[in-house]
Amino acid sequence: MTATVIGDLTAELEIPAGGTLSRVLYRDDRLRVVGFAFDTGQELTEHSSALPVVIQVVKGRLELELGADKAEASPGTWIHLPPRLPHTVRATEPTVMLLTMLS
């Protein structure tokens, strides 16, 4: 068994001009970590996950709709979403985010 090391998430997840990038950074039988890079104004429209998820902002700022609630997220923000909670993610500036899916 070996460790997985990413020395610089912002270098690994370069923010595309006018777009969104998503990349699976790690996957095993218990969790999956997906990195997202959003340019300003880019979003993930309303959706939900069958699994619980954790959102962490590495760089930038997000506006989130979490069911009936709204939240803003900046670097250091940690958000846990239960399964099937509808949510929307919108970047208000160039943003790098980690999404961890827990089995």
PDB file of N, CA and C in Angstrom:
ATOM      1  N   MET A   1       0.841  -1.174   0.000  1.00  0.00           N
ATOM      2  CA  MET A   1       0.000   0.000   0.000  1.00  0.00           C
ATOM      3  C   MET A   1       0.890   1.243   0.000  1.00  0.00           C
ATOM      4  N   THR A   2       0.533   2.251  -0.784  1.00  0.00           N
ATOM      5  CA  THR A   2       1.317   3.481  -0.865  1.00  0.00           C
ATOM      6  C   THR A   2       0.436   4.692  -0.563  1.00  0.00           C
ATOM      7  N   ALA A   3       1.078   5.755  -0.167  1.00  0.00           N
ATOM      8  CA  ALA A   3       0.383   7.007   0.109  1.00  0.00           C
ATOM      9  C   ALA A   3       0.104   7.736  -1.202  1.00  0.00           C
ATOM     10  N   THR A   4      -0.954   8.535  -1.205  1.00  0.00           N
ATOM     11  CA  THR A   4      -1.248   9.418  -2.326  1.00  0.00           C
ATOM     12  C   THR A   4      -0.950  10.837  -1.875  1.00  0.00           C
ATOM     13  N   VAL A   5      -0.083  11.521  -2.594  1.00  0.00           N
ATOM     14  CA  VAL A   5       0.323  12.879  -2.229  1.00  0.00           C
ATOM     15  C   VAL A   5       0.099  13.806  -3.417  1.00  0.00           C
ATOM     16  N   ILE A   6      -0.616  14.895  -3.185  1.00  0.00           N
ATOM     17  CA  ILE A   6      -0.755  15.966  -4.171  1.00  0.00           C
ATOM     18  C   ILE A   6      -0.155  17.195  -3.505  1.00  0.00           C
ATOM     19  N   GLY A   7       0.983  17.646  -4.005  1.00  0.00           N
ATOM     20  CA  GLY A   7       1.715  18.725  -3.370  1.00  0.00           C
ATOM     21  C   GLY A   7       1.049  20.082  -3.473  1.00  0.00           C
ATOM     22  N   ASP A   8       0.286  20.327  -4.548  1.00  0.00           N
ATOM     23  CA  ASP A   8      -0.344  21.628  -4.753  1.00  0.00           C
ATOM     24  C   ASP A   8      -1.649  21.432  -5.513  1.00  0.00           C
ATOM     25  N   LEU A   9      -2.754  21.458  -4.799  1.00  0.00           N
ATOM     26  CA  LEU A   9      -4.056  21.241  -5.432  1.00  0.00           C
ATOM     27  C   LEU A   9      -4.370  22.293  -6.491  1.00  0.00           C
ATOM     28  N   THR A  10      -3.959  23.532  -6.249  1.00  0.00           N
ATOM     29  CA  THR A  10      -4.273  24.581  -7.218  1.00  0.00           C
ATOM     30  C   THR A  10      -3.516  24.389  -8.527  1.00  0.00           C
ATOM     31  N   ALA A  11      -2.335  23.780  -8.470  1.00  0.00           N
ATOM     32  CA  ALA A  11      -1.596  23.471  -9.701  1.00  0.00           C
ATOM     33  C   ALA A  11      -2.208  22.259 -10.406  1.00  0.00           C
ATOM     34  N   GLU A  12      -2.700  21.309  -9.639  1.00  0.00           N
ATOM     35  CA  GLU A  12      -3.327  20.098 -10.184  1.00  0.00           C
ATOM     36  C   GLU A  12      -4.667  20.410 -10.842  1.00  0.00           C
ATOM     37  N   LEU A  13      -5.343  21.442 -10.343  1.00  0.00           N
ATOM     38  CA  LEU A  13      -6.691  21.790 -10.809  1.00  0.00           C
ATOM     39  C   LEU A  13      -6.694  23.211 -11.366  1.00  0.00           C
ATOM     40  N   GLU A  14      -6.089  23.370 -12.524  1.00  0.00           N
ATOM     41  CA  GLU A  14      -6.002  24.696 -13.148  1.00  0.00           C
ATOM     42  C   GLU A  14      -7.397  25.153 -13.575  1.00  0.00           C
ATOM     43  N   ILE A  15      -7.737  26.385 -13.244  1.00  0.00           N
ATOM     44  CA  ILE A  15      -9.063  26.933 -13.525  1.00  0.00           C
ATOM     45  C   ILE A  15      -9.147  27.292 -15.012  1.00  0.00           C
ATOM     46  N   PRO A  16     -10.078  26.672 -15.742  1.00  0.00           N
ATOM     47  CA  PRO A  16     -10.198  26.962 -17.174  1.00  0.00           C
ATOM     48  C   PRO A  16     -10.942  28.288 -17.402  1.00  0.00           C
ATOM     49  N   ALA A  17     -10.463  29.090 -18.339  1.00  0.00           N
ATOM     50  CA  ALA A  17     -11.129  30.352 -18.653  1.00  0.00           C
ATOM     51  C   ALA A  17     -12.549  30.070 -19.139  1.00  0.00           C
ATOM     52  N   GLY A  18     -13.534  30.631 -18.430  1.00  0.00           N
ATOM     53  CA  GLY A  18     -14.927  30.492 -18.832  1.00  0.00           C
ATOM     54  C   GLY A  18     -15.503  29.107 -18.666  1.00  0.00           C
ATOM     55  N   GLY A  19     -14.866  28.260 -17.869  1.00  0.00           N
ATOM     56  CA  GLY A  19     -15.356  26.891 -17.769  1.00  0.00           C
ATOM     57  C   GLY A  19     -15.202  26.267 -16.408  1.00  0.00           C
ATOM     58  N   THR A  20     -15.428  24.962 -16.391  1.00  0.00           N
ATOM     59  CA  THR A  20     -15.336  24.149 -15.184  1.00  0.00           C
ATOM     60  C   THR A  20     -14.529  22.897 -15.504  1.00  0.00           C
ATOM     61  N   LEU A  21     -13.663  22.520 -14.580  1.00  0.00           N
ATOM     62  CA  LEU A  21     -12.872  21.300 -14.703  1.00  0.00           C
ATOM     63  C   LEU A  21     -13.205  20.408 -13.522  1.00  0.00           C
ATOM     64  N   SER A  22     -13.365  19.123 -13.755  1.00  0.00           N
ATOM     65  CA  SER A  22     -13.498  18.171 -12.644  1.00  0.00           C
ATOM     66  C   SER A  22     -12.562  17.005 -12.914  1.00  0.00           C
ATOM     67  N   ARG A  23     -11.923  16.530 -11.833  1.00  0.00           N
ATOM     68  CA  ARG A  23     -10.959  15.448 -11.968  1.00  0.00           C
ATOM     69  C   ARG A  23     -11.004  14.587 -10.716  1.00  0.00           C
ATOM     70  N   VAL A  24     -11.106  13.267 -10.898  1.00  0.00           N
ATOM     71  CA  VAL A  24     -11.026  12.348  -9.765  1.00  0.00           C
ATOM     72  C   VAL A  24      -9.571  12.329  -9.298  1.00  0.00           C
ATOM     73  N   LEU A  25      -9.360  12.687  -8.032  1.00  0.00           N
ATOM     74  CA  LEU A  25      -8.009  12.745  -7.472  1.00  0.00           C
ATOM     75  C   LEU A  25      -7.661  11.487  -6.695  1.00  0.00           C
ATOM     76  N   TYR A  26      -8.684  10.819  -6.165  1.00  0.00           N
ATOM     77  CA  TYR A  26      -8.454   9.600  -5.393  1.00  0.00           C
ATOM     78  C   TYR A  26      -9.743   8.794  -5.363  1.00  0.00           C
ATOM     79  N   ARG A  27      -9.577   7.469  -5.401  1.00  0.00           N
ATOM     80  CA  ARG A  27     -10.750   6.584  -5.321  1.00  0.00           C
ATOM     81  C   ARG A  27     -10.322   5.264  -4.699  1.00  0.00           C
ATOM     82  N   ASP A  28     -11.114   4.807  -3.735  1.00  0.00           N
ATOM     83  CA  ASP A  28     -10.972   3.441  -3.235  1.00  0.00           C
ATOM     84  C   ASP A  28     -12.372   2.934  -2.919  1.00  0.00           C
ATOM     85  N   ASP A  29     -12.489   1.814  -2.219  1.00  0.00           N
ATOM     86  CA  ASP A  29     -13.808   1.231  -1.981  1.00  0.00           C
ATOM     87  C   ASP A  29     -14.634   1.985  -0.937  1.00  0.00           C
ATOM     88  N   ARG A  30     -14.038   2.948  -0.223  1.00  0.00           N
ATOM     89  CA  ARG A  30     -14.769   3.683   0.808  1.00  0.00           C
ATOM     90  C   ARG A  30     -14.988   5.156   0.498  1.00  0.00           C
ATOM     91  N   LEU A  31     -14.145   5.738  -0.357  1.00  0.00           N
ATOM     92  CA  LEU A  31     -14.331   7.155  -0.665  1.00  0.00           C
ATOM     93  C   LEU A  31     -13.812   7.506  -2.042  1.00  0.00           C
ATOM     94  N   ARG A  32     -14.324   8.627  -2.532  1.00  0.00           N
ATOM     95  CA  ARG A  32     -13.883   9.169  -3.816  1.00  0.00           C
ATOM     96  C   ARG A  32     -13.709  10.668  -3.620  1.00  0.00           C
ATOM     97  N   VAL A  33     -12.563  11.197  -4.041  1.00  0.00           N
ATOM     98  CA  VAL A  33     -12.282  12.621  -3.926  1.00  0.00           C
ATOM     99  C   VAL A  33     -12.191  13.201  -5.338  1.00  0.00           C
ATOM    100  N   VAL A  34     -13.036  14.201  -5.585  1.00  0.00           N
ATOM    101  CA  VAL A  34     -13.071  14.849  -6.891  1.00  0.00           C
ATOM    102  C   VAL A  34     -12.686  16.311  -6.697  1.00  0.00           C
ATOM    103  N   GLY A  35     -11.735  16.776  -7.489  1.00  0.00           N
ATOM    104  CA  GLY A  35     -11.360  18.183  -7.473  1.00  0.00           C
ATOM    105  C   GLY A  35     -12.107  18.919  -8.566  1.00  0.00           C
ATOM    106  N   PHE A  36     -12.591  20.107  -8.231  1.00  0.00           N
ATOM    107  CA  PHE A  36     -13.284  20.966  -9.192  1.00  0.00           C
ATOM    108  C   PHE A  36     -12.557  22.296  -9.278  1.00  0.00           C
ATOM    109  N   ALA A  37     -12.497  22.856 -10.478  1.00  0.00           N
ATOM    110  CA  ALA A  37     -11.978  24.204 -10.692  1.00  0.00           C
ATOM    111  C   ALA A  37     -13.022  24.958 -11.510  1.00  0.00           C
ATOM    112  N   PHE A  38     -13.487  26.073 -10.970  1.00  0.00           N
ATOM    113  CA  PHE A  38     -14.543  26.868 -11.596  1.00  0.00           C
ATOM    114  C   PHE A  38     -14.039  28.267 -11.901  1.00  0.00           C
ATOM    115  N   ASP A  39     -14.329  28.765 -13.090  1.00  0.00           N
ATOM    116  CA  ASP A  39     -14.104  30.176 -13.342  1.00  0.00           C
ATOM    117  C   ASP A  39     -15.301  30.947 -12.754  1.00  0.00           C
ATOM    118  N   THR A  40     -15.156  32.237 -12.604  1.00  0.00           N
ATOM    119  CA  THR A  40     -16.223  33.078 -12.055  1.00  0.00           C
ATOM    120  C   THR A  40     -17.519  32.854 -12.821  1.00  0.00           C
ATOM    121  N   GLY A  41     -18.610  32.661 -12.078  1.00  0.00           N
ATOM    122  CA  GLY A  41     -19.921  32.497 -12.683  1.00  0.00           C
ATOM    123  C   GLY A  41     -20.269  31.077 -13.085  1.00  0.00           C
ATOM    124  N   GLN A  42     -19.315  30.170 -13.048  1.00  0.00           N
ATOM    125  CA  GLN A  42     -19.595  28.774 -13.408  1.00  0.00           C
ATOM    126  C   GLN A  42     -20.308  28.078 -12.253  1.00  0.00           C
ATOM    127  N   GLU A  43     -21.108  27.074 -12.567  1.00  0.00           N
ATOM    128  CA  GLU A  43     -21.872  26.414 -11.517  1.00  0.00           C
ATOM    129  C   GLU A  43     -22.155  24.959 -11.834  1.00  0.00           C
ATOM    130  N   LEU A  44     -22.497  24.248 -10.768  1.00  0.00           N
ATOM    131  CA  LEU A  44     -23.103  22.929 -10.871  1.00  0.00           C
ATOM    132  C   LEU A  44     -24.568  23.160 -10.545  1.00  0.00           C
ATOM    133  N   THR A  45     -25.440  22.953 -11.528  1.00  0.00           N
ATOM    134  CA  THR A  45     -26.861  23.187 -11.309  1.00  0.00           C
ATOM    135  C   THR A  45     -27.407  22.186 -10.300  1.00  0.00           C
ATOM    136  N   GLU A  46     -28.620  22.426  -9.849  1.00  0.00           N
ATOM    137  CA  GLU A  46     -29.192  21.614  -8.771  1.00  0.00           C
ATOM    138  C   GLU A  46     -29.105  20.125  -9.085  1.00  0.00           C
ATOM    139  N   HIS A  47     -28.609  19.403  -8.110  1.00  0.00           N
ATOM    140  CA  HIS A  47     -28.470  17.948  -8.205  1.00  0.00           C
ATOM    141  C   HIS A  47     -28.399  17.403  -6.783  1.00  0.00           C
ATOM    142  N   SER A  48     -28.324  16.096  -6.641  1.00  0.00           N
ATOM    143  CA  SER A  48     -28.148  15.476  -5.330  1.00  0.00           C
ATOM    144  C   SER A  48     -27.290  14.229  -5.508  1.00  0.00           C
ATOM    145  N   SER A  49     -26.841  13.704  -4.389  1.00  0.00           N
ATOM    146  CA  SER A  49     -26.008  12.505  -4.402  1.00  0.00           C
ATOM    147  C   SER A  49     -26.665  11.435  -3.547  1.00  0.00           C
ATOM    148  N   ALA A  50     -26.557  10.192  -3.965  1.00  0.00           N
ATOM    149  CA  ALA A  50     -27.075   9.085  -3.161  1.00  0.00           C
ATOM    150  C   ALA A  50     -26.209   8.854  -1.923  1.00  0.00           C
ATOM    151  N   LEU A  51     -24.994   9.411  -1.937  1.00  0.00           N
ATOM    152  CA  LEU A  51     -24.049   9.230  -0.836  1.00  0.00           C
ATOM    153  C   LEU A  51     -23.877  10.540  -0.071  1.00  0.00           C
ATOM    154  N   PRO A  52     -23.449  10.468   1.199  1.00  0.00           N
ATOM    155  CA  PRO A  52     -23.069  11.700   1.889  1.00  0.00           C
ATOM    156  C   PRO A  52     -21.809  12.274   1.245  1.00  0.00           C
ATOM    157  N   VAL A  53     -21.722  13.611   1.218  1.00  0.00           N
ATOM    158  CA  VAL A  53     -20.563  14.260   0.628  1.00  0.00           C
ATOM    159  C   VAL A  53     -20.046  15.364   1.544  1.00  0.00           C
ATOM    160  N   VAL A  54     -18.765  15.687   1.369  1.00  0.00           N
ATOM    161  CA  VAL A  54     -18.139  16.805   2.062  1.00  0.00           C
ATOM    162  C   VAL A  54     -17.564  17.733   1.004  1.00  0.00           C
ATOM    163  N   ILE A  55     -17.862  19.034   1.133  1.00  0.00           N
ATOM    164  CA  ILE A  55     -17.323  20.059   0.241  1.00  0.00           C
ATOM    165  C   ILE A  55     -16.308  20.871   1.030  1.00  0.00           C
ATOM    166  N   GLN A  56     -15.131  21.090   0.436  1.00  0.00           N
ATOM    167  CA  GLN A  56     -14.088  21.918   1.034  1.00  0.00           C
ATOM    168  C   GLN A  56     -13.590  22.896  -0.023  1.00  0.00           C
ATOM    169  N   VAL A  57     -13.525  24.178   0.325  1.00  0.00           N
ATOM    170  CA  VAL A  57     -13.016  25.191  -0.593  1.00  0.00           C
ATOM    171  C   VAL A  57     -11.521  25.362  -0.344  1.00  0.00           C
ATOM    172  N   VAL A  58     -10.739  25.233  -1.398  1.00  0.00           N
ATOM    173  CA  VAL A  58      -9.284  25.381  -1.324  1.00  0.00           C
ATOM    174  C   VAL A  58      -8.890  26.813  -1.673  1.00  0.00           C
ATOM    175  N   LYS A  59      -9.566  27.375  -2.680  1.00  0.00           N
ATOM    176  CA  LYS A  59      -9.254  28.715  -3.177  1.00  0.00           C
ATOM    177  C   LYS A  59     -10.529  29.307  -3.751  1.00  0.00           C
ATOM    178  N   GLY A  60     -10.770  30.584  -3.552  1.00  0.00           N
ATOM    179  CA  GLY A  60     -11.905  31.256  -4.155  1.00  0.00           C
ATOM    180  C   GLY A  60     -13.118  31.323  -3.240  1.00  0.00           C
ATOM    181  N   ARG A  61     -14.280  31.541  -3.860  1.00  0.00           N
ATOM    182  CA  ARG A  61     -15.528  31.683  -3.102  1.00  0.00           C
ATOM    183  C   ARG A  61     -16.683  31.043  -3.873  1.00  0.00           C
ATOM    184  N   LEU A  62     -17.568  30.436  -3.103  1.00  0.00           N
ATOM    185  CA  LEU A  62     -18.758  29.790  -3.663  1.00  0.00           C
ATOM    186  C   LEU A  62     -20.014  30.311  -2.996  1.00  0.00           C
ATOM    187  N   GLU A  63     -21.100  30.352  -3.753  1.00  0.00           N
ATOM    188  CA  GLU A  63     -22.443  30.499  -3.208  1.00  0.00           C
ATOM    189  C   GLU A  63     -23.093  29.134  -3.363  1.00  0.00           C
ATOM    190  N   LEU A  64     -23.724  28.650  -2.294  1.00  0.00           N
ATOM    191  CA  LEU A  64     -24.353  27.337  -2.331  1.00  0.00           C
ATOM    192  C   LEU A  64     -25.808  27.430  -1.925  1.00  0.00           C
ATOM    193  N   GLU A  65     -26.631  26.651  -2.579  1.00  0.00           N
ATOM    194  CA  GLU A  65     -28.000  26.410  -2.147  1.00  0.00           C
ATOM    195  C   GLU A  65     -28.013  24.978  -1.659  1.00  0.00           C
ATOM    196  N   LEU A  66     -28.355  24.800  -0.398  1.00  0.00           N
ATOM    197  CA  LEU A  66     -28.320  23.487   0.264  1.00  0.00           C
ATOM    198  C   LEU A  66     -29.729  23.182   0.737  1.00  0.00           C
ATOM    199  N   GLY A  67     -30.517  22.546  -0.126  1.00  0.00           N
ATOM    200  CA  GLY A  67     -31.925  22.389   0.182  1.00  0.00           C
ATOM    201  C   GLY A  67     -32.557  23.774   0.207  1.00  0.00           C
ATOM    202  N   ALA A  68     -33.232  24.119   1.305  1.00  0.00           N
ATOM    203  CA  ALA A  68     -33.873  25.429   1.446  1.00  0.00           C
ATOM    204  C   ALA A  68     -32.912  26.496   1.971  1.00  0.00           C
ATOM    205  N   ASP A  69     -31.706  26.110   2.355  1.00  0.00           N
ATOM    206  CA  ASP A  69     -30.741  27.042   2.939  1.00  0.00           C
ATOM    207  C   ASP A  69     -29.755  27.556   1.895  1.00  0.00           C
ATOM    208  N   LYS A  70     -29.186  28.725   2.201  1.00  0.00           N
ATOM    209  CA  LYS A  70     -28.128  29.292   1.368  1.00  0.00           C
ATOM    210  C   LYS A  70     -26.895  29.468   2.233  1.00  0.00           C
ATOM    211  N   ALA A  71     -25.719  29.340   1.608  1.00  0.00           N
ATOM    212  CA  ALA A  71     -24.461  29.512   2.339  1.00  0.00           C
ATOM    213  C   ALA A  71     -23.423  30.088   1.392  1.00  0.00           C
ATOM    214  N   GLU A  72     -22.445  30.758   1.975  1.00  0.00           N
ATOM    215  CA  GLU A  72     -21.270  31.198   1.236  1.00  0.00           C
ATOM    216  C   GLU A  72     -20.081  30.435   1.780  1.00  0.00           C
ATOM    217  N   ALA A  73     -19.148  30.113   0.904  1.00  0.00           N
ATOM    218  CA  ALA A  73     -17.987  29.331   1.315  1.00  0.00           C
ATOM    219  C   ALA A  73     -16.728  29.976   0.757  1.00  0.00           C
ATOM    220  N   SER A  74     -15.692  30.020   1.594  1.00  0.00           N
ATOM    221  CA  SER A  74     -14.389  30.560   1.220  1.00  0.00           C
ATOM    222  C   SER A  74     -13.326  29.563   1.677  1.00  0.00           C
ATOM    223  N   PRO A  75     -12.054  29.808   1.398  1.00  0.00           N
ATOM    224  CA  PRO A  75     -11.034  28.845   1.803  1.00  0.00           C
ATOM    225  C   PRO A  75     -11.118  28.502   3.285  1.00  0.00           C
ATOM    226  N   GLY A  76     -11.090  27.212   3.559  1.00  0.00           N
ATOM    227  CA  GLY A  76     -11.213  26.727   4.926  1.00  0.00           C
ATOM    228  C   GLY A  76     -12.626  26.293   5.296  1.00  0.00           C
ATOM    229  N   THR A  77     -13.615  26.619   4.456  1.00  0.00           N
ATOM    230  CA  THR A  77     -14.994  26.202   4.740  1.00  0.00           C
ATOM    231  C   THR A  77     -15.137  24.700   4.531  1.00  0.00           C
ATOM    232  N   TRP A  78     -15.882  24.068   5.428  1.00  0.00           N
ATOM    233  CA  TRP A  78     -16.135  22.624   5.399  1.00  0.00           C
ATOM    234  C   TRP A  78     -17.638  22.433   5.496  1.00  0.00           C
ATOM    235  N   ILE A  79     -18.223  21.687   4.543  1.00  0.00           N
ATOM    236  CA  ILE A  79     -19.676  21.489   4.505  1.00  0.00           C
ATOM    237  C   ILE A  79     -19.964  20.005   4.315  1.00  0.00           C
ATOM    238  N   HIS A  80     -20.800  19.444   5.195  1.00  0.00           N
ATOM    239  CA  HIS A  80     -21.251  18.054   5.053  1.00  0.00           C
ATOM    240  C   HIS A  80     -22.680  18.065   4.536  1.00  0.00           C
ATOM    241  N   LEU A  81     -22.939  17.280   3.495  1.00  0.00           N
ATOM    242  CA  LEU A  81     -24.290  17.148   2.942  1.00  0.00           C
ATOM    243  C   LEU A  81     -24.761  15.717   3.117  1.00  0.00           C
ATOM    244  N   PRO A  82     -25.951  15.544   3.685  1.00  0.00           N
ATOM    245  CA  PRO A  82     -26.493  14.191   3.789  1.00  0.00           C
ATOM    246  C   PRO A  82     -26.930  13.683   2.416  1.00  0.00           C
ATOM    247  N   PRO A  83     -27.126  12.388   2.288  1.00  0.00           N
ATOM    248  CA  PRO A  83     -27.581  11.837   1.003  1.00  0.00           C
ATOM    249  C   PRO A  83     -28.886  12.488   0.551  1.00  0.00           C
ATOM    250  N   ARG A  84     -29.011  12.656  -0.749  1.00  0.00           N
ATOM    251  CA  ARG A  84     -30.220  13.130  -1.417  1.00  0.00           C
ATOM    252  C   ARG A  84     -30.611  14.581  -1.126  1.00  0.00           C
ATOM    253  N   LEU A  85     -29.745  15.380  -0.517  1.00  0.00           N
ATOM    254  CA  LEU A  85     -30.058  16.793  -0.310  1.00  0.00           C
ATOM    255  C   LEU A  85     -29.799  17.545  -1.618  1.00  0.00           C
ATOM    256  N   PRO A  86     -30.832  18.163  -2.210  1.00  0.00           N
ATOM    257  CA  PRO A  86     -30.599  18.925  -3.440  1.00  0.00           C
ATOM    258  C   PRO A  86     -29.667  20.101  -3.138  1.00  0.00           C
ATOM    259  N   HIS A  87     -28.713  20.339  -4.040  1.00  0.00           N
ATOM    260  CA  HIS A  87     -27.787  21.450  -3.833  1.00  0.00           C
ATOM    261  C   HIS A  87     -27.283  21.997  -5.165  1.00  0.00           C
ATOM    262  N   THR A  88     -26.909  23.280  -5.119  1.00  0.00           N
ATOM    263  CA  THR A  88     -26.355  24.001  -6.253  1.00  0.00           C
ATOM    264  C   THR A  88     -25.073  24.663  -5.784  1.00  0.00           C
ATOM    265  N   VAL A  89     -24.058  24.692  -6.643  1.00  0.00           N
ATOM    266  CA  VAL A  89     -22.763  25.294  -6.320  1.00  0.00           C
ATOM    267  C   VAL A  89     -22.442  26.303  -7.414  1.00  0.00           C
ATOM    268  N   ARG A  90     -22.148  27.568  -7.017  1.00  0.00           N
ATOM    269  CA  ARG A  90     -21.851  28.628  -7.984  1.00  0.00           C
ATOM    270  C   ARG A  90     -20.604  29.392  -7.537  1.00  0.00           C
ATOM    271  N   ALA A  91     -19.643  29.559  -8.435  1.00  0.00           N
ATOM    272  CA  ALA A  91     -18.405  30.279  -8.123  1.00  0.00           C
ATOM    273  C   ALA A  91     -18.620  31.779  -8.301  1.00  0.00           C
ATOM    274  N   THR A  92     -18.284  32.553  -7.265  1.00  0.00           N
ATOM    275  CA  THR A  92     -18.370  34.010  -7.368  1.00  0.00           C
ATOM    276  C   THR A  92     -17.018  34.623  -7.715  1.00  0.00           C
ATOM    277  N   GLU A  93     -15.985  33.798  -7.759  1.00  0.00           N
ATOM    278  CA  GLU A  93     -14.654  34.165  -8.242  1.00  0.00           C
ATOM    279  C   GLU A  93     -13.968  32.856  -8.637  1.00  0.00           C
ATOM    280  N   PRO A  94     -12.825  32.897  -9.312  1.00  0.00           N
ATOM    281  CA  PRO A  94     -12.147  31.643  -9.667  1.00  0.00           C
ATOM    282  C   PRO A  94     -11.929  30.788  -8.400  1.00  0.00           C
ATOM    283  N   THR A  95     -12.362  29.528  -8.473  1.00  0.00           N
ATOM    284  CA  THR A  95     -12.445  28.688  -7.265  1.00  0.00           C
ATOM    285  C   THR A  95     -11.943  27.275  -7.518  1.00  0.00           C
ATOM    286  N   VAL A  96     -11.265  26.729  -6.512  1.00  0.00           N
ATOM    287  CA  VAL A  96     -10.887  25.318  -6.482  1.00  0.00           C
ATOM    288  C   VAL A  96     -11.578  24.700  -5.275  1.00  0.00           C
ATOM    289  N   MET A  97     -12.260  23.581  -5.496  1.00  0.00           N
ATOM    290  CA  MET A  97     -13.071  22.922  -4.473  1.00  0.00           C
ATOM    291  C   MET A  97     -12.782  21.424  -4.476  1.00  0.00           C
ATOM    292  N   LEU A  98     -12.816  20.817  -3.305  1.00  0.00           N
ATOM    293  CA  LEU A  98     -12.744  19.366  -3.186  1.00  0.00           C
ATOM    294  C   LEU A  98     -14.113  18.827  -2.791  1.00  0.00           C
ATOM    295  N   LEU A  99     -14.508  17.751  -3.427  1.00  0.00           N
ATOM    296  CA  LEU A  99     -15.745  17.057  -3.096  1.00  0.00           C
ATOM    297  C   LEU A  99     -15.359  15.624  -2.718  1.00  0.00           C
ATOM    298  N   THR A 100     -15.685  15.229  -1.491  1.00  0.00           N
ATOM    299  CA  THR A 100     -15.391  13.878  -1.029  1.00  0.00           C
ATOM    300  C   THR A 100     -16.692  13.131  -0.883  1.00  0.00           C
ATOM    301  N   MET A 101     -16.828  12.008  -1.576  1.00  0.00           N
ATOM    302  CA  MET A 101     -18.009  11.141  -1.485  1.00  0.00           C
ATOM    303  C   MET A 101     -17.654   9.988  -0.563  1.00  0.00           C
ATOM    304  N   LEU A 102     -18.520   9.753   0.420  1.00  0.00           N
ATOM    305  CA  LEU A 102     -18.265   8.729   1.434  1.00  0.00           C
ATOM    306  C   LEU A 102     -19.194   7.544   1.230  1.00  0.00           C
ATOM    307  N   SER A 103     -18.638   6.364   1.089  1.00  0.00           N
ATOM    308  CA  SER A 103     -19.475   5.155   0.935  1.00  0.00           C
ATOM    309  C   SER A 103     -19.933   4.659   2.281  1.00  0.00           C
TER     310      SER A 103
END
